[in-house]
Amino acid sequence: MATIEQVPDTKLKRGISGPLLYLFILGDVLGAGVYALVGVISAEVGGAIWVPLMVALALALLTAGSYAELVTKYPKAGGAAVFAERAFKRPFISFLVGFCMLAAGVTSAAGLAQAFAGGYLTTFIDVPAVPAALVFLVLLALLNMRGIKESVRSNVVMTVIEVSGLVLVIVVVAIFVGGGNGDVSRVTEFPPGVSAASAVLAASLIAYYSFVGFEVSANVAEEVKDVSRVYPRAIFGALLTAGVVYLLIGLASSAAMAPEDLAGSSSPLLDVVAATGAGIPNWLFSLVALIAVANGALLTMIMSSRLTYGMAEQGLFPSIFDRVLPNRRTPWVAIVATTLVAMALTLTGGLESLSQTVVLLLLFVFLSTNIAVLVLRKDDVEHRHFRIPVIFPYLAIASCILLLTQQTGEIWLRAGILLALGLALYGVQRLVRGRSKSQGTP
């Protein structure tokens, strides 16, 4: 069997080490979701917040196994689109998968920009939300364009801060409960008159958004050192770490506050800390939340730009998108294009509806990836790679179908409109190529 060092070379700079990749994934998973969605989950499942969080973790790990195999087998920028191209050998399917991923990425970045420019920012400065969101996206683009190493190093700092905020919640609640306060019995309570199974299923769809983000790492695989050895450890380690943190956050939130109070909160973790009487300043937690949002948005925009670059390399997007800066070796045209699209999307909807649309689009991507790992099992490569037991991709496919059935008609409609735009773009590209061939243009 060939050695790991025989992984194909790349135009991009391999500047991401194992620890940086672990923090890259962890920072994207532990993003704005947990700071905002605890209350929404509580509204569905009562005090048993930790249950859907653990169900969502299990479902996410299933698909992560497929990513671990395919990324180490084909370490190219483009992620799911590259996998679809190899598995199905139809440019249309590859384009559709890549466009779903890209649409999910820029939609998520738009929602996070709105979150950044909202109530947490007004704790420090009162500025109009829309201009603030647009400036925020421009600043992220400049950091992204500076270089992948600079971007992921910034992620390290922001990840440490946002994880520290979550640890702070866990610690102050532990002290609070240890002093005989709160009500630990709430962690097993479900809403009255509602089936526990149906409540957990509905809440798991929301909780799933808190774990998506691991797929972003597939689009920087071409810039990871020793990817075959490093990537599986990083993706599973980051998801399990996030799962432990979420478990403790779910237990702490229910123990400190009644479900009905959590359900009505737009800043649930800030309210949980306040309920303990620990005396933590509001501005401190607002700052941590802003950093968490900024970190998630940065990593999402890195993914979107690398995906656009990878699709251009595969001939699915115009070749202009694979241009890189001579010295920085970053895909500057892709960065500019994805930033402009995200800026436009900030005007199209609220954070909740945008995040739900992101999940639906990603479920299609995950479904394609889980099928692709089975199709490509017979495809041999000349380097060692991770291999997931075959039962897990089948279970992952079933999990994606299950979650798709839980989406509302409104979200299906919004995602359908986005996909229709993608199909229109694909049709235009086909028409232009057809005319070029008929005119003899190379």
Protein backbone atom coordinates (compact mmCIF):
# COMPACT_ATOMS: atom_id res chain seq x y z
CA MET A 1 0.00 0.00 0.00
CA ALA A 2 1.29 3.46 -0.88
CA THR A 3 2.39 5.94 1.75
CA ILE A 4 0.49 8.95 3.01
CA GLU A 5 3.01 11.34 1.48
CA GLN A 6 1.79 10.40 -2.00
CA VAL A 7 -1.36 12.51 -1.59
CA PRO A 8 -1.68 14.60 -4.81
CA ASP A 9 -0.02 18.04 -4.87
CA THR A 10 -1.99 21.28 -5.04
CA LYS A 11 -1.68 24.92 -6.13
CA LEU A 12 -2.91 25.95 -2.67
CA LYS A 13 -0.60 26.23 0.30
CA ARG A 14 -0.77 23.40 2.85
CA GLY A 15 -0.78 25.56 5.97
CA ILE A 16 -3.27 23.79 8.27
CA SER A 17 -1.89 21.44 10.93
CA GLY A 18 -3.86 18.87 12.93
CA PRO A 19 -4.51 21.11 15.95
CA LEU A 20 -5.50 24.01 13.68
CA LEU A 21 -7.92 21.78 11.77
CA TYR A 22 -9.43 20.48 15.04
CA LEU A 23 -9.99 24.04 16.24
CA PHE A 24 -11.23 25.04 12.77
CA ILE A 25 -14.00 22.42 12.94
CA LEU A 26 -14.73 22.94 16.63
CA GLY A 27 -14.98 26.69 16.14
CA ASP A 28 -17.49 26.30 13.32
CA VAL A 29 -19.62 23.77 15.22
CA LEU A 30 -19.53 25.75 18.48
CA GLY A 31 -20.78 28.84 16.69
CA ALA A 32 -23.75 31.10 17.15
CA GLY A 33 -26.26 28.23 17.21
CA VAL A 34 -25.86 27.19 20.83
CA TYR A 35 -25.93 30.79 22.04
CA ALA A 36 -29.29 31.40 20.36
CA LEU A 37 -31.09 28.07 19.96
CA VAL A 38 -31.27 26.72 23.52
CA GLY A 39 -34.52 28.60 24.05
CA VAL A 40 -36.01 27.36 20.78
CA ILE A 41 -35.12 23.75 21.67
CA SER A 42 -36.66 24.18 25.12
CA ALA A 43 -39.90 25.35 23.53
CA GLU A 44 -40.14 21.99 21.74
CA VAL A 45 -38.83 19.56 24.35
CA GLY A 46 -39.26 21.29 27.72
CA GLY A 47 -36.47 20.73 30.22
CA ALA A 48 -34.96 17.72 28.46
CA ILE A 49 -32.84 19.95 26.22
CA TRP A 50 -29.90 17.57 26.32
CA VAL A 51 -31.83 14.70 24.70
CA PRO A 52 -32.29 16.19 21.18
CA LEU A 53 -28.77 17.57 21.37
CA MET A 54 -27.41 14.05 21.84
CA VAL A 55 -29.66 12.68 19.09
CA ALA A 56 -28.40 15.40 16.75
CA LEU A 57 -24.80 14.54 17.68
CA ALA A 58 -25.35 10.88 16.80
CA LEU A 59 -26.88 11.81 13.44
CA ALA A 60 -24.06 14.24 12.68
CA LEU A 61 -21.41 11.61 13.50
CA LEU A 62 -22.94 9.23 10.95
CA THR A 63 -22.44 11.68 8.10
CA ALA A 64 -19.07 12.79 9.47
CA GLY A 65 -17.85 9.22 8.93
CA SER A 66 -18.59 9.49 5.22
CA TYR A 67 -16.78 12.81 5.05
CA ALA A 68 -13.75 11.35 6.83
CA GLU A 69 -13.47 8.58 4.22
CA LEU A 70 -14.02 10.74 1.16
CA VAL A 71 -11.90 13.71 2.25
CA THR A 72 -8.90 11.50 2.99
CA LYS A 73 -9.47 9.60 -0.22
CA TYR A 74 -9.91 12.70 -2.42
CA PRO A 75 -8.31 15.68 -0.63
CA LYS A 76 -9.39 18.40 -3.06
CA ALA A 77 -11.09 21.74 -2.51
CA GLY A 78 -14.74 21.48 -3.52
CA GLY A 79 -15.85 18.91 -0.96
CA ALA A 80 -19.23 17.34 -1.66
CA ALA A 81 -19.25 18.57 -5.28
CA VAL A 82 -16.00 16.71 -5.97
CA PHE A 83 -17.38 13.56 -4.34
CA ALA A 84 -20.56 13.76 -6.43
CA GLU A 85 -18.57 14.25 -9.64
CA ARG A 86 -16.47 11.15 -8.96
CA ALA A 87 -19.39 9.01 -7.83
CA PHE A 88 -22.12 9.90 -10.31
CA LYS A 89 -19.99 11.20 -13.22
CA ARG A 90 -22.68 13.66 -14.23
CA PRO A 91 -21.76 17.35 -14.19
CA PHE A 92 -25.37 18.31 -13.52
CA ILE A 93 -25.53 16.35 -10.25
CA SER A 94 -22.14 17.62 -9.17
CA PHE A 95 -23.18 21.18 -9.93
CA LEU A 96 -26.44 20.77 -8.01
CA VAL A 97 -24.69 19.34 -4.93
CA GLY A 98 -22.04 22.03 -5.03
CA PHE A 99 -24.64 24.74 -5.47
CA CYS A 100 -26.65 23.44 -2.49
CA MET A 101 -23.50 23.59 -0.38
CA LEU A 102 -22.62 27.02 -1.66
CA ALA A 103 -26.18 28.31 -1.16
CA ALA A 104 -26.20 26.94 2.38
CA GLY A 105 -22.85 28.58 3.11
CA VAL A 106 -23.67 32.06 1.93
CA THR A 107 -27.16 31.85 3.44
CA SER A 108 -25.65 30.92 6.79
CA ALA A 109 -23.13 33.75 6.55
CA ALA A 110 -25.94 36.19 5.81
CA GLY A 111 -27.87 35.02 8.86
CA LEU A 112 -24.79 35.24 11.06
CA ALA A 113 -24.09 38.75 9.80
CA GLN A 114 -27.62 39.69 10.87
CA ALA A 115 -27.02 38.11 14.26
CA PHE A 116 -23.76 40.01 14.64
CA ALA A 117 -25.42 43.32 13.84
CA GLY A 118 -28.36 42.70 16.20
CA GLY A 119 -28.91 43.02 19.92
CA TYR A 120 -25.47 41.88 21.06
CA LEU A 121 -23.76 44.61 19.04
CA THR A 122 -26.09 47.30 20.38
CA THR A 123 -24.75 46.53 23.85
CA PHE A 124 -21.63 48.40 22.73
CA ILE A 125 -22.71 50.68 19.89
CA ASP A 126 -26.08 51.67 18.46
CA VAL A 127 -25.77 51.53 14.67
CA PRO A 128 -28.20 50.55 11.90
CA ALA A 129 -28.25 46.78 11.56
CA VAL A 130 -28.04 46.45 7.76
CA PRO A 131 -24.95 48.66 7.22
CA ALA A 132 -23.26 46.99 10.19
CA ALA A 133 -23.91 43.54 8.71
CA LEU A 134 -22.50 44.59 5.34
CA VAL A 135 -19.35 46.10 6.87
CA PHE A 136 -18.94 42.93 8.94
CA LEU A 137 -18.96 40.77 5.80
CA VAL A 138 -16.43 43.03 4.08
CA LEU A 139 -14.05 42.73 7.05
CA LEU A 140 -14.39 38.94 6.96
CA ALA A 141 -13.55 38.97 3.23
CA LEU A 142 -10.37 40.95 3.86
CA LEU A 143 -9.23 38.48 6.51
CA ASN A 144 -10.14 35.55 4.27
CA MET A 145 -8.18 37.07 1.39
CA ARG A 146 -5.11 37.67 3.52
CA GLY A 147 -4.48 33.94 3.83
CA ILE A 148 -5.73 30.60 5.13
CA LYS A 149 -3.12 30.48 7.90
CA GLU A 150 -4.09 33.93 9.15
CA SER A 151 -7.77 33.00 8.97
CA VAL A 152 -7.47 29.76 10.92
CA ARG A 153 -5.15 31.38 13.47
CA SER A 154 -7.82 34.00 14.06
CA ASN A 155 -10.22 31.09 14.43
CA VAL A 156 -8.02 29.64 17.19
CA VAL A 157 -8.33 32.80 19.27
CA MET A 158 -12.06 33.16 18.67
CA THR A 159 -12.70 29.46 19.37
CA VAL A 160 -10.91 29.67 22.73
CA ILE A 161 -13.03 32.69 23.66
CA GLU A 162 -16.38 31.21 22.63
CA VAL A 163 -15.62 27.88 24.34
CA SER A 164 -14.60 29.84 27.46
CA GLY A 165 -18.02 31.50 27.42
CA LEU A 166 -19.76 28.14 27.35
CA VAL A 167 -17.51 26.80 30.11
CA LEU A 168 -18.40 29.88 32.14
CA VAL A 169 -22.10 29.02 31.85
CA ILE A 170 -21.44 25.45 32.99
CA VAL A 171 -19.29 26.51 35.94
CA VAL A 172 -21.58 29.22 37.32
CA VAL A 173 -24.61 26.92 37.07
CA ALA A 174 -22.69 24.11 38.79
CA ILE A 175 -21.88 26.47 41.67
CA PHE A 176 -25.50 27.66 41.68
CA VAL A 177 -26.93 24.14 41.85
CA GLY A 178 -24.26 23.02 44.32
CA GLY A 179 -25.49 25.70 46.67
CA GLY A 180 -28.93 24.11 46.75
CA ASN A 181 -30.50 26.36 44.11
CA GLY A 182 -32.21 25.58 40.81
CA ASP A 183 -34.12 22.41 40.01
CA VAL A 184 -32.19 19.47 38.57
CA SER A 185 -35.39 17.43 38.14
CA ARG A 186 -36.34 19.61 35.15
CA VAL A 187 -33.71 17.92 32.96
CA THR A 188 -36.03 14.93 32.45
CA GLU A 189 -39.28 16.86 32.01
CA PHE A 190 -41.11 16.99 28.67
CA PRO A 191 -43.95 19.37 27.78
CA PRO A 192 -47.32 18.15 29.13
CA GLY A 193 -49.66 16.59 26.60
CA VAL A 194 -46.93 16.01 24.01
CA SER A 195 -45.37 12.68 23.03
CA ALA A 196 -41.75 12.56 24.16
CA ALA A 197 -40.70 10.91 20.88
CA SER A 198 -42.37 13.54 18.69
CA ALA A 199 -40.99 16.35 20.86
CA VAL A 200 -37.45 14.97 20.64
CA LEU A 201 -37.71 14.50 16.86
CA ALA A 202 -38.93 18.06 16.32
CA ALA A 203 -36.25 19.47 18.63
CA SER A 204 -33.52 17.31 17.02
CA LEU A 205 -34.05 19.10 13.71
CA ILE A 206 -33.35 22.41 15.46
CA ALA A 207 -30.45 20.94 17.43
CA TYR A 208 -28.94 19.56 14.22
CA TYR A 209 -28.17 23.12 13.14
CA SER A 210 -25.88 23.39 16.17
CA PHE A 211 -23.70 20.57 14.80
CA VAL A 212 -23.57 21.45 11.11
CA GLY A 213 -20.31 23.10 10.29
CA PHE A 214 -18.12 20.02 10.25
CA GLU A 215 -18.72 19.76 6.49
CA VAL A 216 -16.96 23.11 6.01
CA SER A 217 -13.64 21.39 6.68
CA ALA A 218 -13.95 19.28 3.51
CA ASN A 219 -13.40 22.41 1.45
CA VAL A 220 -10.00 23.18 3.01
CA ALA A 221 -8.73 19.59 2.73
CA GLU A 222 -6.38 20.65 -0.03
CA GLU A 223 -4.66 22.98 2.46
CA VAL A 224 -4.26 20.42 5.30
CA LYS A 225 -0.90 18.86 6.12
CA ASP A 226 -0.89 15.04 6.23
CA VAL A 227 -4.62 14.99 5.57
CA SER A 228 -5.05 11.19 5.63
CA ARG A 229 -3.87 10.93 9.22
CA VAL A 230 -5.06 14.28 10.55
CA TYR A 231 -8.55 14.72 9.17
CA PRO A 232 -10.43 11.80 10.82
CA ARG A 233 -9.01 12.64 14.23
CA ALA A 234 -9.91 16.30 13.83
CA ILE A 235 -13.51 15.84 12.65
CA PHE A 236 -14.50 13.16 15.18
CA GLY A 237 -12.60 14.85 17.99
CA ALA A 238 -14.23 18.20 17.31
CA LEU A 239 -17.75 16.77 17.11
CA LEU A 240 -17.36 14.74 20.31
CA THR A 241 -15.93 17.77 22.11
CA ALA A 242 -18.86 19.86 20.95
CA GLY A 243 -21.24 17.11 22.05
CA VAL A 244 -19.86 17.10 25.60
CA VAL A 245 -20.11 20.89 25.80
CA TYR A 246 -23.69 20.87 24.46
CA LEU A 247 -24.70 18.12 26.86
CA LEU A 248 -23.49 20.15 29.82
CA ILE A 249 -25.06 23.34 28.46
CA GLY A 250 -28.41 21.58 28.04
CA LEU A 251 -28.31 20.22 31.58
CA ALA A 252 -27.16 23.54 33.04
CA SER A 253 -29.81 25.58 31.24
CA SER A 254 -32.68 23.38 32.44
CA ALA A 255 -31.37 23.24 36.01
CA ALA A 256 -31.03 27.01 36.24
CA MET A 257 -34.24 28.14 34.49
CA ALA A 258 -37.75 26.83 33.97
CA PRO A 259 -38.51 25.68 30.39
CA GLU A 260 -41.20 28.32 29.89
CA ASP A 261 -38.71 31.08 30.75
CA LEU A 262 -36.05 29.65 28.46
CA ALA A 263 -38.51 29.22 25.60
CA GLY A 264 -39.31 32.92 25.54
CA SER A 265 -35.70 34.13 25.62
CA SER A 266 -33.79 35.52 22.65
CA SER A 267 -30.55 35.40 24.67
CA PRO A 268 -31.00 32.20 26.68
CA LEU A 269 -27.45 31.67 27.90
CA LEU A 270 -27.15 35.28 29.04
CA ASP A 271 -30.40 34.79 30.96
CA VAL A 272 -29.14 31.51 32.44
CA VAL A 273 -26.03 33.23 33.79
CA ALA A 274 -28.13 36.11 35.13
CA ALA A 275 -30.46 33.63 36.87
CA THR A 276 -27.56 32.28 38.90
CA GLY A 277 -26.84 35.69 40.38
CA ALA A 278 -23.14 35.23 39.62
CA GLY A 279 -22.70 38.90 38.80
CA ILE A 280 -21.24 38.38 35.32
CA PRO A 281 -21.58 41.70 33.40
CA ASN A 282 -23.97 41.69 30.44
CA TRP A 283 -21.35 43.30 28.22
CA LEU A 284 -18.96 40.40 28.80
CA PHE A 285 -21.39 37.79 27.58
CA SER A 286 -22.44 40.00 24.68
CA LEU A 287 -18.80 40.21 23.65
CA VAL A 288 -18.39 36.45 23.80
CA ALA A 289 -21.54 35.98 21.71
CA LEU A 290 -20.28 38.43 19.09
CA ILE A 291 -17.00 36.54 18.86
CA ALA A 292 -18.87 33.25 18.47
CA VAL A 293 -20.96 34.68 15.65
CA ALA A 294 -17.94 36.22 13.94
CA ASN A 295 -16.04 32.94 14.15
CA GLY A 296 -18.87 30.96 12.58
CA ALA A 297 -19.27 33.50 9.81
CA LEU A 298 -15.53 33.56 9.06
CA LEU A 299 -15.30 29.80 8.74
CA THR A 300 -18.45 29.68 6.62
CA MET A 301 -17.07 32.27 4.21
CA ILE A 302 -13.76 30.37 4.01
CA MET A 303 -15.76 27.28 3.03
CA SER A 304 -17.88 29.14 0.47
CA SER A 305 -14.90 30.70 -1.28
CA ARG A 306 -12.95 27.41 -1.36
CA LEU A 307 -16.01 25.59 -2.66
CA THR A 308 -16.43 28.14 -5.44
CA TYR A 309 -12.73 27.77 -6.28
CA GLY A 310 -13.00 23.97 -6.29
CA MET A 311 -16.06 23.97 -8.55
CA ALA A 312 -14.23 26.25 -10.98
CA GLU A 313 -11.30 23.82 -10.95
CA GLN A 314 -13.78 21.05 -11.86
CA GLY A 315 -15.20 23.10 -14.75
CA LEU A 316 -18.57 23.58 -13.06
CA PHE A 317 -18.10 27.33 -12.59
CA PRO A 318 -16.41 29.79 -14.97
CA SER A 319 -12.62 29.56 -14.84
CA ILE A 320 -12.31 33.11 -13.49
CA PHE A 321 -13.24 31.77 -10.05
CA ASP A 322 -10.06 29.68 -9.76
CA ARG A 323 -7.76 32.71 -9.86
CA VAL A 324 -5.52 33.11 -6.81
CA LEU A 325 -3.42 35.98 -5.49
CA PRO A 326 0.21 35.47 -6.58
CA ASN A 327 1.76 35.91 -3.15
CA ARG A 328 -1.05 35.03 -0.75
CA ARG A 329 -2.24 32.08 -2.88
CA THR A 330 -5.85 32.67 -1.83
CA PRO A 331 -8.80 32.43 -4.29
CA TRP A 332 -9.55 36.17 -4.38
CA VAL A 333 -12.21 36.16 -7.12
CA ALA A 334 -14.17 33.44 -5.30
CA ILE A 335 -13.88 35.39 -2.04
CA VAL A 336 -15.22 38.58 -3.63
CA ALA A 337 -18.10 36.78 -5.37
CA THR A 338 -19.31 34.84 -2.32
CA THR A 339 -19.08 37.94 -0.13
CA LEU A 340 -21.26 39.93 -2.55
CA VAL A 341 -23.88 37.17 -2.58
CA ALA A 342 -23.90 36.97 1.23
CA MET A 343 -24.32 40.72 1.42
CA ALA A 344 -27.37 40.52 -0.85
CA LEU A 345 -28.89 37.70 1.20
CA THR A 346 -28.77 39.75 4.41
CA LEU A 347 -31.79 41.62 3.02
CA THR A 348 -33.92 38.55 2.29
CA GLY A 349 -34.96 37.07 5.65
CA GLY A 350 -34.46 36.68 9.38
CA LEU A 351 -31.93 34.51 11.19
CA GLU A 352 -34.41 31.76 12.09
CA SER A 353 -35.75 31.24 8.58
CA LEU A 354 -32.30 31.47 7.03
CA SER A 355 -30.89 28.89 9.46
CA GLN A 356 -33.73 26.46 8.72
CA THR A 357 -33.08 26.87 5.00
CA VAL A 358 -29.41 26.11 5.62
CA VAL A 359 -30.29 22.79 7.28
CA LEU A 360 -32.57 21.70 4.44
CA LEU A 361 -29.95 22.49 1.80
CA LEU A 362 -27.23 20.69 3.76
CA LEU A 363 -29.39 17.59 4.14
CA PHE A 364 -29.41 17.24 0.35
CA VAL A 365 -25.63 17.63 0.36
CA PHE A 366 -25.23 15.04 3.12
CA LEU A 367 -27.55 12.63 1.33
CA SER A 368 -25.41 12.88 -1.81
CA THR A 369 -22.17 12.42 0.16
CA ASN A 370 -23.44 9.36 2.02
CA ILE A 371 -24.51 7.75 -1.24
CA ALA A 372 -21.22 8.72 -2.90
CA VAL A 373 -19.12 6.96 -0.26
CA LEU A 374 -20.92 3.70 -1.09
CA VAL A 375 -20.64 4.17 -4.85
CA LEU A 376 -16.90 4.91 -4.62
CA ARG A 377 -16.00 1.94 -2.42
CA LYS A 378 -14.50 0.12 -5.44
CA ASP A 379 -12.43 3.12 -6.53
CA ASP A 380 -8.82 2.59 -5.47
CA VAL A 381 -6.38 5.46 -4.88
CA GLU A 382 -2.61 5.43 -4.45
CA HIS A 383 -2.46 6.59 -0.85
CA ARG A 384 -3.80 5.39 2.49
CA HIS A 385 -7.10 6.82 3.67
CA PHE A 386 -9.71 6.41 6.37
CA ARG A 387 -12.46 3.82 5.78
CA ILE A 388 -15.79 3.81 7.64
CA PRO A 389 -17.70 0.51 8.23
CA VAL A 390 -20.29 0.16 5.49
CA ILE A 391 -23.30 0.11 7.83
CA PHE A 392 -22.76 3.72 8.87
CA PRO A 393 -23.33 5.38 5.45
CA TYR A 394 -26.64 3.47 5.20
CA LEU A 395 -27.67 4.71 8.64
CA ALA A 396 -26.61 8.23 7.66
CA ILE A 397 -28.81 8.10 4.54
CA ALA A 398 -31.78 7.07 6.69
CA SER A 399 -31.07 9.91 9.13
CA CYS A 400 -31.05 12.50 6.34
CA ILE A 401 -34.39 11.26 4.98
CA LEU A 402 -35.86 11.33 8.48
CA LEU A 403 -34.84 14.95 9.05
CA LEU A 404 -36.06 15.99 5.60
CA THR A 405 -39.55 14.81 6.51
CA GLN A 406 -39.61 17.23 9.46
CA GLN A 407 -39.19 20.41 7.38
CA THR A 408 -42.15 22.76 6.88
CA GLY A 409 -43.62 23.82 3.56
CA GLU A 410 -42.31 27.36 3.98
CA ILE A 411 -38.72 26.15 4.25
CA TRP A 412 -39.16 23.80 1.29
CA LEU A 413 -40.42 26.75 -0.77
CA ARG A 414 -37.49 28.99 0.15
CA ALA A 415 -34.97 26.25 -0.60
CA GLY A 416 -36.78 25.48 -3.86
CA ILE A 417 -36.44 29.07 -5.01
CA LEU A 418 -32.71 29.00 -4.29
CA LEU A 419 -32.32 25.73 -6.18
CA ALA A 420 -34.29 27.16 -9.11
CA LEU A 421 -31.80 30.01 -9.29
CA GLY A 422 -29.00 27.45 -9.36
CA LEU A 423 -30.67 25.53 -12.16
CA ALA A 424 -31.11 28.73 -14.14
CA LEU A 425 -27.40 29.52 -13.72
CA TYR A 426 -26.50 26.01 -14.84
CA GLY A 427 -28.71 26.39 -17.92
CA VAL A 428 -27.07 29.69 -18.85
CA GLN A 429 -23.62 28.13 -18.54
CA ARG A 430 -24.63 25.23 -20.77
CA LEU A 431 -26.00 27.66 -23.36
CA VAL A 432 -22.81 29.74 -23.36
CA ARG A 433 -20.64 26.64 -23.71
CA GLY A 434 -22.81 25.34 -26.52
CA ARG A 435 -22.48 28.59 -28.44
CA SER A 436 -18.73 28.65 -27.90
CA LYS A 437 -18.41 25.14 -29.34
CA SER A 438 -20.59 25.96 -32.35
CA GLN A 439 -18.44 28.99 -33.08
CA GLY A 440 -15.24 27.00 -32.70
CA THR A 441 -14.09 28.94 -29.64
CA PRO A 442 -11.65 26.90 -27.55
